[in-house]
């Protein structure tokens, strides 16, 4: 009978231990705001803050569950949000810690533990002028695609297109390349981008704090003709809104090297202009042409119109 009583007492002791020594349970957490260098996180109170066995002294965060924060907010046991510094373009998990002591400890020895984690991101950096450009051009169907330098934390980018100074469209693209967009020929376009990141934890989309600088292009359409009984060849250029002149380059090779500037053409008030090229080409051979629109502010188009023509003499 005494042996049985000992067994029952042991069972009661184990049950009491299971009731009173409750293991911590992860509290929910989510990002509520961010800048380029910080994130604001909201969390539920941890077990330590609601248990009569512990006293919480502060909260901190770390980008690793195995690295305890070096500093904690102090004397705020019921805090449920905080703003923490992180690098620009950061994306990843962060861990929220709390510091506490056991009420049964007469020395109030501080301990710390992480009690929840969440995926966060800072705002993507603003794209610089050399971070985006025209990617590809379909001359016959008048369509253009765009690309950006891949931001390591960004999900994709947003593109704004302005036609002759007026807003035309805004579209978002996943990754670093856009689809082909229709454009009109012989018109100045401006375009700019900003990165975005889709936070998988709270479902929110965050954009760069500001748009990139503007870039420009003009899809210049022209025609060329060479006659067997006439020296050189002719080019007919059409007036384009926002364009002050065209630079004409010719090469004897199809590669990107070897092009030489042979003419600078201003149309003035004319709707089109035909010029005769009588130098800088190769006779009885195919010559390759590049036409670069130059805008009124002196900047050059991101799209260079290309072609070839066989010259007889």
C-alpha atoms as a PDB file:
ATOM      1  CA  UNK A   1       0.000   0.000   0.000  1.00  0.00           C
ATOM      2  CA  UNK A   2       2.851   2.397   0.822  1.00  0.00           C
ATOM      3  CA  UNK A   3       4.438   1.605  -2.524  1.00  0.00           C
ATOM      4  CA  UNK A   4       1.171   2.407  -4.293  1.00  0.00           C
ATOM      5  CA  UNK A   5       0.890   5.751  -2.463  1.00  0.00           C
ATOM      6  CA  UNK A   6       4.428   6.655  -3.581  1.00  0.00           C
ATOM      7  CA  UNK A   7       3.501   5.949  -7.204  1.00  0.00           C
ATOM      8  CA  UNK A   8       0.354   8.101  -6.931  1.00  0.00           C
ATOM      9  CA  UNK A   9       2.324  10.964  -5.411  1.00  0.00           C
ATOM     10  CA  UNK A  10       4.850  10.737  -8.244  1.00  0.00           C
ATOM     11  CA  UNK A  11       2.081  10.952 -10.844  1.00  0.00           C
ATOM     12  CA  UNK A  12       0.559  13.979  -9.071  1.00  0.00           C
ATOM     13  CA  UNK A  13       3.972  15.683  -8.967  1.00  0.00           C
ATOM     14  CA  UNK A  14       4.535  15.150 -12.706  1.00  0.00           C
ATOM     15  CA  UNK A  15       1.042  16.471 -13.459  1.00  0.00           C
ATOM     16  CA  UNK A  16       1.668  19.568 -11.326  1.00  0.00           C
ATOM     17  CA  UNK A  17       4.936  20.171 -13.153  1.00  0.00           C
ATOM     18  CA  UNK A  18       3.148  19.911 -16.502  1.00  0.00           C
ATOM     19  CA  UNK A  19       0.580  22.481 -15.383  1.00  0.00           C
ATOM     20  CA  UNK A  20       2.838  25.080 -13.870  1.00  0.00           C
ATOM     21  CA  UNK A  21       5.898  24.918 -16.140  1.00  0.00           C
ATOM     22  CA  UNK A  22       4.303  25.916 -19.433  1.00  0.00           C
ATOM     23  CA  UNK A  23       6.591  26.004 -22.469  1.00  0.00           C
ATOM     24  CA  UNK A  24       6.687  29.259 -24.498  1.00  0.00           C
ATOM     25  CA  UNK A  25       4.405  29.378 -27.530  1.00  0.00           C
ATOM     26  CA  UNK A  26       5.287  31.467 -30.616  1.00  0.00           C
ATOM     27  CA  UNK A  27       3.328  34.707 -30.750  1.00  0.00           C
ATOM     28  CA  UNK A  28       2.180  36.141 -34.064  1.00  0.00           C
ATOM     29  CA  UNK A  29       4.236  38.956 -35.611  1.00  0.00           C
ATOM     30  CA  UNK A  30       4.080  41.011 -38.818  1.00  0.00           C
ATOM     31  CA  UNK A  31       5.695  43.974 -40.491  1.00  0.00           C
ATOM     32  CA  UNK A  32       3.494  47.078 -40.424  1.00  0.00           C
ATOM     33  CA  UNK A  33       5.773  49.706 -42.033  1.00  0.00           C
ATOM     34  CA  UNK A  34       9.259  50.228 -43.420  1.00  0.00           C
ATOM     35  CA  UNK A  35      11.726  52.765 -44.774  1.00  0.00           C
ATOM     36  CA  UNK A  36      14.953  52.237 -46.697  1.00  0.00           C
ATOM     37  CA  UNK A  37      16.812  51.625 -43.421  1.00  0.00           C
ATOM     38  CA  UNK A  38      14.249  50.363 -40.901  1.00  0.00           C
ATOM     39  CA  UNK A  39      11.219  48.147 -40.339  1.00  0.00           C
ATOM     40  CA  UNK A  40       8.358  48.438 -37.861  1.00  0.00           C
ATOM     41  CA  UNK A  41       7.099  45.139 -36.466  1.00  0.00           C
ATOM     42  CA  UNK A  42       4.011  44.370 -34.410  1.00  0.00           C
ATOM     43  CA  UNK A  43       3.809  41.260 -32.247  1.00  0.00           C
ATOM     44  CA  UNK A  44       1.584  39.505 -29.720  1.00  0.00           C
ATOM     45  CA  UNK A  45       2.778  39.427 -26.147  1.00  0.00           C
ATOM     46  CA  UNK A  46       4.950  36.407 -25.373  1.00  0.00           C
ATOM     47  CA  UNK A  47       4.170  33.855 -22.699  1.00  0.00           C
ATOM     48  CA  UNK A  48       6.798  35.420 -20.435  1.00  0.00           C
ATOM     49  CA  UNK A  49       4.840  38.716 -20.284  1.00  0.00           C
ATOM     50  CA  UNK A  50       1.563  37.083 -19.237  1.00  0.00           C
ATOM     51  CA  UNK A  51       2.915  34.483 -16.826  1.00  0.00           C
ATOM     52  CA  UNK A  52       3.126  35.148 -13.085  1.00  0.00           C
ATOM     53  CA  UNK A  53       6.387  33.182 -13.016  1.00  0.00           C
ATOM     54  CA  UNK A  54       8.379  35.720 -15.065  1.00  0.00           C
ATOM     55  CA  UNK A  55       8.938  39.464 -15.312  1.00  0.00           C
ATOM     56  CA  UNK A  56       9.786  40.818 -18.767  1.00  0.00           C
ATOM     57  CA  UNK A  57      12.262  43.710 -18.790  1.00  0.00           C
ATOM     58  CA  UNK A  58      12.467  44.538 -22.497  1.00  0.00           C
ATOM     59  CA  UNK A  59      12.384  43.513 -26.154  1.00  0.00           C
ATOM     60  CA  UNK A  60      14.937  43.338 -28.941  1.00  0.00           C
ATOM     61  CA  UNK A  61      15.454  41.782 -32.362  1.00  0.00           C
ATOM     62  CA  UNK A  62      18.064  39.905 -34.370  1.00  0.00           C
ATOM     63  CA  UNK A  63      18.432  38.640 -37.922  1.00  0.00           C
ATOM     64  CA  UNK A  64      19.471  35.253 -36.524  1.00  0.00           C
ATOM     65  CA  UNK A  65      17.793  33.018 -33.964  1.00  0.00           C
ATOM     66  CA  UNK A  66      21.208  32.082 -32.606  1.00  0.00           C
ATOM     67  CA  UNK A  67      22.446  35.654 -32.094  1.00  0.00           C
ATOM     68  CA  UNK A  68      21.022  37.400 -29.040  1.00  0.00           C
ATOM     69  CA  UNK A  69      20.387  41.135 -29.502  1.00  0.00           C
ATOM     70  CA  UNK A  70      22.952  43.351 -27.834  1.00  0.00           C
ATOM     71  CA  UNK A  71      20.355  45.806 -26.512  1.00  0.00           C
ATOM     72  CA  UNK A  72      16.746  45.689 -25.367  1.00  0.00           C
ATOM     73  CA  UNK A  73      14.019  48.245 -24.809  1.00  0.00           C
ATOM     74  CA  UNK A  74      13.863  48.621 -21.056  1.00  0.00           C
ATOM     75  CA  UNK A  75      11.048  48.746 -18.481  1.00  0.00           C
ATOM     76  CA  UNK A  76       8.301  48.105 -21.027  1.00  0.00           C
ATOM     77  CA  UNK A  77       7.045  44.553 -20.426  1.00  0.00           C
ATOM     78  CA  UNK A  78       3.820  44.962 -22.407  1.00  0.00           C
ATOM     79  CA  UNK A  79       5.324  46.483 -25.534  1.00  0.00           C
ATOM     80  CA  UNK A  80       3.819  45.019 -28.743  1.00  0.00           C
ATOM     81  CA  UNK A  81       5.666  46.878 -31.503  1.00  0.00           C
ATOM     82  CA  UNK A  82       9.082  48.279 -32.331  1.00  0.00           C
ATOM     83  CA  UNK A  83      11.086  49.927 -35.103  1.00  0.00           C
ATOM     84  CA  UNK A  84      14.463  48.386 -35.871  1.00  0.00           C
ATOM     85  CA  UNK A  85      17.328  49.413 -38.141  1.00  0.00           C
ATOM     86  CA  UNK A  86      18.205  47.262 -41.146  1.00  0.00           C
ATOM     87  CA  UNK A  87      20.212  47.845 -44.360  1.00  0.00           C
ATOM     88  CA  UNK A  88      18.671  49.142 -47.585  1.00  0.00           C
ATOM     89  CA  UNK A  89      17.431  46.285 -49.824  1.00  0.00           C
ATOM     90  CA  UNK A  90      17.190  43.906 -46.837  1.00  0.00           C
ATOM     91  CA  UNK A  91      14.730  41.053 -47.049  1.00  0.00           C
ATOM     92  CA  UNK A  92      14.612  38.027 -44.757  1.00  0.00           C
ATOM     93  CA  UNK A  93      13.465  36.773 -41.388  1.00  0.00           C
ATOM     94  CA  UNK A  94      13.991  38.615 -38.113  1.00  0.00           C
ATOM     95  CA  UNK A  95      13.557  37.215 -34.614  1.00  0.00           C
ATOM     96  CA  UNK A  96      11.954  39.087 -31.709  1.00  0.00           C
ATOM     97  CA  UNK A  97      13.559  38.447 -28.319  1.00  0.00           C
ATOM     98  CA  UNK A  98      12.494  39.349 -24.821  1.00  0.00           C
ATOM     99  CA  UNK A  99      14.674  39.700 -21.746  1.00  0.00           C
ATOM    100  CA  UNK A 100      13.217  38.494 -18.451  1.00  0.00           C
ATOM    101  CA  UNK A 101      13.979  37.089 -15.023  1.00  0.00           C
ATOM    102  CA  UNK A 102      12.284  34.379 -13.023  1.00  0.00           C
ATOM    103  CA  UNK A 103      10.256  35.685 -10.100  1.00  0.00           C
ATOM    104  CA  UNK A 104      11.483  32.809  -7.994  1.00  0.00           C
ATOM    105  CA  UNK A 105      15.100  33.915  -8.498  1.00  0.00           C
ATOM    106  CA  UNK A 106      16.184  36.160  -5.576  1.00  0.00           C
ATOM    107  CA  UNK A 107      19.059  37.515  -7.704  1.00  0.00           C
ATOM    108  CA  UNK A 108      16.792  38.384 -10.664  1.00  0.00           C
ATOM    109  CA  UNK A 109      19.269  36.973 -13.158  1.00  0.00           C
ATOM    110  CA  UNK A 110      18.396  38.195 -16.637  1.00  0.00           C
ATOM    111  CA  UNK A 111      17.728  35.668 -19.372  1.00  0.00           C
ATOM    112  CA  UNK A 112      16.644  36.145 -22.991  1.00  0.00           C
ATOM    113  CA  UNK A 113      14.877  34.088 -25.620  1.00  0.00           C
ATOM    114  CA  UNK A 114      13.272  34.678 -29.012  1.00  0.00           C
ATOM    115  CA  UNK A 115       9.554  34.058 -29.012  1.00  0.00           C
ATOM    116  CA  UNK A 116       8.442  34.866 -32.575  1.00  0.00           C
ATOM    117  CA  UNK A 117       9.777  35.594 -36.050  1.00  0.00           C
ATOM    118  CA  UNK A 118       8.486  37.134 -39.260  1.00  0.00           C
ATOM    119  CA  UNK A 119       9.619  37.917 -42.794  1.00  0.00           C
ATOM    120  CA  UNK A 120      10.419  41.596 -43.314  1.00  0.00           C
ATOM    121  CA  UNK A 121      11.873  43.921 -45.913  1.00  0.00           C
ATOM    122  CA  UNK A 122      13.166  47.464 -46.116  1.00  0.00           C
ATOM    123  CA  UNK A 123      12.195  49.629 -49.087  1.00  0.00           C
ATOM    124  CA  UNK A 124      14.116  48.804 -52.275  1.00  0.00           C
ATOM    125  CA  UNK A 125      16.707  51.376 -53.305  1.00  0.00           C
ATOM    126  CA  UNK A 126      15.802  53.970 -55.928  1.00  0.00           C
ATOM    127  CA  UNK A 127      16.899  52.905 -59.411  1.00  0.00           C
ATOM    128  CA  UNK A 128      19.704  54.994 -60.894  1.00  0.00           C
ATOM    129  CA  UNK A 129      19.791  56.030 -64.558  1.00  0.00           C
ATOM    130  CA  UNK A 130      22.157  53.173 -65.421  1.00  0.00           C
ATOM    131  CA  UNK A 131      19.932  50.588 -63.681  1.00  0.00           C
ATOM    132  CA  UNK A 132      17.323  50.446 -66.474  1.00  0.00           C
ATOM    133  CA  UNK A 133      17.100  50.779 -70.242  1.00  0.00           C
ATOM    134  CA  UNK A 134      15.294  49.766 -73.419  1.00  0.00           C
ATOM    135  CA  UNK A 135      15.837  46.036 -73.824  1.00  0.00           C
ATOM    136  CA  UNK A 136      14.553  45.190 -77.301  1.00  0.00           C
ATOM    137  CA  UNK A 137      12.752  46.845 -80.224  1.00  0.00           C
ATOM    138  CA  UNK A 138      10.413  45.344 -82.833  1.00  0.00           C
ATOM    139  CA  UNK A 139      10.662  47.977 -85.586  1.00  0.00           C
ATOM    140  CA  UNK A 140       8.064  46.537 -87.940  1.00  0.00           C
ATOM    141  CA  UNK A 141       5.322  46.247 -85.321  1.00  0.00           C
ATOM    142  CA  UNK A 142       6.522  49.260 -83.293  1.00  0.00           C
ATOM    143  CA  UNK A 143       6.894  47.562 -79.924  1.00  0.00           C
ATOM    144  CA  UNK A 144       9.482  48.082 -77.190  1.00  0.00           C
ATOM    145  CA  UNK A 145      10.501  46.061 -74.119  1.00  0.00           C
ATOM    146  CA  UNK A 146      12.440  47.271 -71.091  1.00  0.00           C
ATOM    147  CA  UNK A 147      14.835  45.812 -68.515  1.00  0.00           C
ATOM    148  CA  UNK A 148      16.253  46.708 -65.107  1.00  0.00           C
ATOM    149  CA  UNK A 149      19.344  45.629 -63.213  1.00  0.00           C
ATOM    150  CA  UNK A 150      18.057  42.972 -60.840  1.00  0.00           C
ATOM    151  CA  UNK A 151      17.758  44.271 -57.289  1.00  0.00           C
ATOM    152  CA  UNK A 152      18.561  41.339 -54.952  1.00  0.00           C
ATOM    153  CA  UNK A 153      15.581  42.037 -52.681  1.00  0.00           C
ATOM    154  CA  UNK A 154      13.041  43.230 -55.264  1.00  0.00           C
ATOM    155  CA  UNK A 155      10.245  41.097 -56.687  1.00  0.00           C
ATOM    156  CA  UNK A 156      10.046  43.197 -59.843  1.00  0.00           C
ATOM    157  CA  UNK A 157       9.631  46.743 -61.078  1.00  0.00           C
ATOM    158  CA  UNK A 158       7.009  49.281 -62.087  1.00  0.00           C
ATOM    159  CA  UNK A 159       7.358  51.219 -65.346  1.00  0.00           C
ATOM    160  CA  UNK A 160       5.849  54.594 -66.207  1.00  0.00           C
ATOM    161  CA  UNK A 161       5.723  55.729 -69.821  1.00  0.00           C
ATOM    162  CA  UNK A 162       5.084  59.308 -70.992  1.00  0.00           C
ATOM    163  CA  UNK A 163       4.217  60.116 -74.604  1.00  0.00           C
ATOM    164  CA  UNK A 164       5.308  63.580 -75.733  1.00  0.00           C
ATOM    165  CA  UNK A 165       5.287  64.742 -72.105  1.00  0.00           C
ATOM    166  CA  UNK A 166       1.872  63.281 -71.264  1.00  0.00           C
ATOM    167  CA  UNK A 167       1.312  60.254 -69.028  1.00  0.00           C
ATOM    168  CA  UNK A 168       0.638  57.162 -71.160  1.00  0.00           C
ATOM    169  CA  UNK A 169       0.754  54.043 -68.968  1.00  0.00           C
ATOM    170  CA  UNK A 170       1.989  52.477 -65.732  1.00  0.00           C
ATOM    171  CA  UNK A 171       2.582  48.742 -65.528  1.00  0.00           C
ATOM    172  CA  UNK A 172       4.241  46.341 -63.102  1.00  0.00           C
ATOM    173  CA  UNK A 173       6.463  43.444 -64.161  1.00  0.00           C
ATOM    174  CA  UNK A 174       7.794  40.520 -62.172  1.00  0.00           C
ATOM    175  CA  UNK A 175      11.541  39.960 -62.443  1.00  0.00           C
ATOM    176  CA  UNK A 176      13.865  42.181 -64.439  1.00  0.00           C
ATOM    177  CA  UNK A 177      12.243  42.354 -67.912  1.00  0.00           C
ATOM    178  CA  UNK A 178       8.983  43.741 -69.269  1.00  0.00           C
ATOM    179  CA  UNK A 179       6.720  42.478 -72.004  1.00  0.00           C
ATOM    180  CA  UNK A 180       6.614  44.313 -75.346  1.00  0.00           C
ATOM    181  CA  UNK A 181       4.614  47.543 -75.208  1.00  0.00           C
ATOM    182  CA  UNK A 182       3.200  49.302 -78.311  1.00  0.00           C
ATOM    183  CA  UNK A 183       4.634  52.742 -79.137  1.00  0.00           C
ATOM    184  CA  UNK A 184       4.173  55.272 -81.921  1.00  0.00           C
ATOM    185  CA  UNK A 185       6.928  56.176 -84.360  1.00  0.00           C
ATOM    186  CA  UNK A 186       8.571  59.610 -84.535  1.00  0.00           C
ATOM    187  CA  UNK A 187       7.403  60.739 -81.085  1.00  0.00           C
ATOM    188  CA  UNK A 188       9.469  61.432 -77.979  1.00  0.00           C
ATOM    189  CA  UNK A 189       8.830  59.057 -75.065  1.00  0.00           C
ATOM    190  CA  UNK A 190      10.042  59.415 -71.492  1.00  0.00           C
ATOM    191  CA  UNK A 191      10.155  56.495 -69.092  1.00  0.00           C
ATOM    192  CA  UNK A 192      11.112  55.795 -65.482  1.00  0.00           C
ATOM    193  CA  UNK A 193      11.010  52.847 -63.084  1.00  0.00           C
ATOM    194  CA  UNK A 194      10.834  51.936 -59.423  1.00  0.00           C
ATOM    195  CA  UNK A 195      11.453  48.588 -57.763  1.00  0.00           C
ATOM    196  CA  UNK A 196       8.844  46.771 -55.690  1.00  0.00           C
ATOM    197  CA  UNK A 197       8.924  43.890 -53.240  1.00  0.00           C
ATOM    198  CA  UNK A 198       5.998  41.640 -52.347  1.00  0.00           C
ATOM    199  CA  UNK A 199       6.172  40.684 -48.671  1.00  0.00           C
ATOM    200  CA  UNK A 200       5.127  37.049 -48.371  1.00  0.00           C
ATOM    201  CA  UNK A 201       4.359  37.403 -44.655  1.00  0.00           C
ATOM    202  CA  UNK A 202       1.823  40.243 -44.612  1.00  0.00           C
ATOM    203  CA  UNK A 203       0.855  40.241 -48.311  1.00  0.00           C
ATOM    204  CA  UNK A 204       1.739  43.916 -48.773  1.00  0.00           C
ATOM    205  CA  UNK A 205       3.631  45.410 -51.729  1.00  0.00           C
ATOM    206  CA  UNK A 206       6.341  47.976 -51.012  1.00  0.00           C
ATOM    207  CA  UNK A 207       7.850  50.344 -53.591  1.00  0.00           C
ATOM    208  CA  UNK A 208      11.073  52.300 -53.779  1.00  0.00           C
ATOM    209  CA  UNK A 209      10.779  55.588 -51.893  1.00  0.00           C
ATOM    210  CA  UNK A 210      11.055  57.528 -55.168  1.00  0.00           C
ATOM    211  CA  UNK A 211      10.996  56.996 -58.920  1.00  0.00           C
ATOM    212  CA  UNK A 212      14.167  56.821 -60.972  1.00  0.00           C
ATOM    213  CA  UNK A 213      15.262  59.753 -63.149  1.00  0.00           C
ATOM    214  CA  UNK A 214      13.647  59.900 -66.601  1.00  0.00           C
ATOM    215  CA  UNK A 215      15.178  58.391 -69.728  1.00  0.00           C
ATOM    216  CA  UNK A 216      14.052  59.079 -73.309  1.00  0.00           C
ATOM    217  CA  UNK A 217      13.648  57.358 -76.638  1.00  0.00           C
ATOM    218  CA  UNK A 218      12.198  57.949 -80.079  1.00  0.00           C
ATOM    219  CA  UNK A 219      11.471  55.220 -82.600  1.00  0.00           C
ATOM    220  CA  UNK A 220      12.604  57.080 -85.731  1.00  0.00           C
ATOM    221  CA  UNK A 221      11.223  55.703 -88.990  1.00  0.00           C
ATOM    222  CA  UNK A 222      13.117  56.470 -92.203  1.00  0.00           C
ATOM    223  CA  UNK A 223      13.519  55.229 -95.758  1.00  0.00           C
ATOM    224  CA  UNK A 224      16.657  54.811 -97.848  1.00  0.00           C
ATOM    225  CA  UNK A 225      17.269  54.435-101.560  1.00  0.00           C
ATOM    226  CA  UNK A 226      20.258  53.921-103.835  1.00  0.00           C
ATOM    227  CA  UNK A 227      20.239  54.077-107.643  1.00  0.00           C
ATOM    228  CA  UNK A 228      22.607  52.237-109.937  1.00  0.00           C
ATOM    229  CA  UNK A 229      23.241  55.370-112.013  1.00  0.00           C
ATOM    230  CA  UNK A 230      23.679  57.780-109.104  1.00  0.00           C
ATOM    231  CA  UNK A 231      26.477  58.272-106.611  1.00  0.00           C
ATOM    232  CA  UNK A 232      25.803  57.392-102.971  1.00  0.00           C
ATOM    233  CA  UNK A 233      22.325  56.943-101.536  1.00  0.00           C
ATOM    234  CA  UNK A 234      19.470  59.041-100.176  1.00  0.00           C
ATOM    235  CA  UNK A 235      17.766  59.019 -96.775  1.00  0.00           C
ATOM    236  CA  UNK A 236      14.319  60.423 -96.063  1.00  0.00           C
ATOM    237  CA  UNK A 237      13.726  61.450 -92.449  1.00  0.00           C
ATOM    238  CA  UNK A 238      10.418  62.454 -90.880  1.00  0.00           C
ATOM    239  CA  UNK A 239       9.888  65.164 -88.299  1.00  0.00           C
ATOM    240  CA  UNK A 240       9.503  63.816 -84.753  1.00  0.00           C
ATOM    241  CA  UNK A 241       7.982  65.675 -81.817  1.00  0.00           C
ATOM    242  CA  UNK A 242      10.586  66.637 -79.231  1.00  0.00           C
ATOM    243  CA  UNK A 243      13.499  65.841 -81.586  1.00  0.00           C
ATOM    244  CA  UNK A 244      15.812  68.658 -82.709  1.00  0.00           C
ATOM    245  CA  UNK A 245      18.044  66.711 -85.116  1.00  0.00           C
ATOM    246  CA  UNK A 246      19.240  63.300 -86.310  1.00  0.00           C
ATOM    247  CA  UNK A 247      22.795  61.993 -86.274  1.00  0.00           C
ATOM    248  CA  UNK A 248      23.609  59.705 -89.216  1.00  0.00           C
ATOM    249  CA  UNK A 249      26.290  56.999 -88.890  1.00  0.00           C
ATOM    250  CA  UNK A 250      27.519  54.579 -91.571  1.00  0.00           C
ATOM    251  CA  UNK A 251      29.708  51.476 -91.338  1.00  0.00           C
ATOM    252  CA  UNK A 252      30.990  48.927 -93.806  1.00  0.00           C
ATOM    253  CA  UNK A 253      30.497  46.193 -91.186  1.00  0.00           C
ATOM    254  CA  UNK A 254      27.337  44.895 -89.555  1.00  0.00           C
ATOM    255  CA  UNK A 255      29.006  44.734 -86.137  1.00  0.00           C
ATOM    256  CA  UNK A 256      28.680  47.542 -83.582  1.00  0.00           C
ATOM    257  CA  UNK A 257      32.201  48.769 -84.331  1.00  0.00           C
ATOM    258  CA  UNK A 258      33.333  50.918 -87.239  1.00  0.00           C
ATOM    259  CA  UNK A 259      30.418  53.338 -87.419  1.00  0.00           C
ATOM    260  CA  UNK A 260      31.378  56.878 -88.399  1.00  0.00           C
ATOM    261  CA  UNK A 261      29.266  59.992 -88.167  1.00  0.00           C
ATOM    262  CA  UNK A 262      28.660  61.376 -91.669  1.00  0.00           C
ATOM    263  CA  UNK A 263      25.819  63.852 -91.186  1.00  0.00           C
ATOM    264  CA  UNK A 264      23.743  65.859 -88.679  1.00  0.00           C
ATOM    265  CA  UNK A 265      20.283  66.671 -90.017  1.00  0.00           C
ATOM    266  CA  UNK A 266      17.801  69.240 -88.664  1.00  0.00           C
ATOM    267  CA  UNK A 267      14.337  69.305 -90.203  1.00  0.00           C
ATOM    268  CA  UNK A 268      13.281  72.713 -88.920  1.00  0.00           C
ATOM    269  CA  UNK A 269       9.623  73.243 -89.776  1.00  0.00           C
ATOM    270  CA  UNK A 270       9.582  70.629 -92.535  1.00  0.00           C
ATOM    271  CA  UNK A 271       7.545  67.472 -91.997  1.00  0.00           C
ATOM    272  CA  UNK A 272      10.211  65.398 -93.764  1.00  0.00           C
ATOM    273  CA  UNK A 273      13.563  65.871 -95.414  1.00  0.00           C
ATOM    274  CA  UNK A 274      15.571  63.882 -97.983  1.00  0.00           C
ATOM    275  CA  UNK A 275      19.358  64.090 -97.983  1.00  0.00           C
ATOM    276  CA  UNK A 276      21.897  62.595-100.370  1.00  0.00           C
ATOM    277  CA  UNK A 277      24.855  60.789 -98.789  1.00  0.00           C
ATOM    278  CA  UNK A 278      27.888  61.069-101.099  1.00  0.00           C
ATOM    279  CA  UNK A 279      30.759  60.195 -98.756  1.00  0.00           C
ATOM    280  CA  UNK A 280      31.745  57.858 -95.961  1.00  0.00           C
ATOM    281  CA  UNK A 281      30.345  54.722 -97.571  1.00  0.00           C
ATOM    282  CA  UNK A 282      31.698  51.759 -99.535  1.00  0.00           C
ATOM    283  CA  UNK A 283      30.911  51.360-103.242  1.00  0.00           C
ATOM    284  CA  UNK A 284      29.399  48.156-104.632  1.00  0.00           C
ATOM    285  CA  UNK A 285      28.715  46.874-101.130  1.00  0.00           C
ATOM    286  CA  UNK A 286      26.095  46.757 -98.420  1.00  0.00           C
ATOM    287  CA  UNK A 287      26.433  49.693 -96.036  1.00  0.00           C
ATOM    288  CA  UNK A 288      24.996  49.676 -92.526  1.00  0.00           C
ATOM    289  CA  UNK A 289      23.174  52.705 -91.146  1.00  0.00           C
ATOM    290  CA  UNK A 290      22.435  54.034 -87.668  1.00  0.00           C
ATOM    291  CA  UNK A 291      20.181  57.004 -86.989  1.00  0.00           C
ATOM    292  CA  UNK A 292      20.171  58.554 -83.516  1.00  0.00           C
ATOM    293  CA  UNK A 293      17.493  61.130 -82.614  1.00  0.00           C
ATOM    294  CA  UNK A 294      18.759  64.017 -80.476  1.00  0.00           C
ATOM    295  CA  UNK A 295      16.228  65.803 -78.261  1.00  0.00           C
ATOM    296  CA  UNK A 296      15.888  69.515 -77.685  1.00  0.00           C
ATOM    297  CA  UNK A 297      17.769  69.310 -74.373  1.00  0.00           C
ATOM    298  CA  UNK A 298      20.744  67.704 -76.135  1.00  0.00           C
ATOM    299  CA  UNK A 299      20.191  64.163 -74.822  1.00  0.00           C
ATOM    300  CA  UNK A 300      20.210  61.214 -77.228  1.00  0.00           C
ATOM    301  CA  UNK A 301      17.532  58.597 -77.758  1.00  0.00           C
ATOM    302  CA  UNK A 302      17.880  55.203 -76.074  1.00  0.00           C
ATOM    303  CA  UNK A 303      16.620  53.673 -79.334  1.00  0.00           C
ATOM    304  CA  UNK A 304      18.893  53.767 -82.360  1.00  0.00           C
ATOM    305  CA  UNK A 305      17.195  53.098 -85.688  1.00  0.00           C
ATOM    306  CA  UNK A 306      19.243  50.704 -87.814  1.00  0.00           C
ATOM    307  CA  UNK A 307      19.198  49.396 -91.359  1.00  0.00           C
ATOM    308  CA  UNK A 308      21.279  48.585 -94.402  1.00  0.00           C
ATOM    309  CA  UNK A 309      21.429  49.582 -98.070  1.00  0.00           C
ATOM    310  CA  UNK A 310      23.375  48.373-101.078  1.00  0.00           C
ATOM    311  CA  UNK A 311      25.285  51.231-102.731  1.00  0.00           C
ATOM    312  CA  UNK A 312      26.232  50.899-106.399  1.00  0.00           C
ATOM    313  CA  UNK A 313      28.671  53.762-106.986  1.00  0.00           C
END
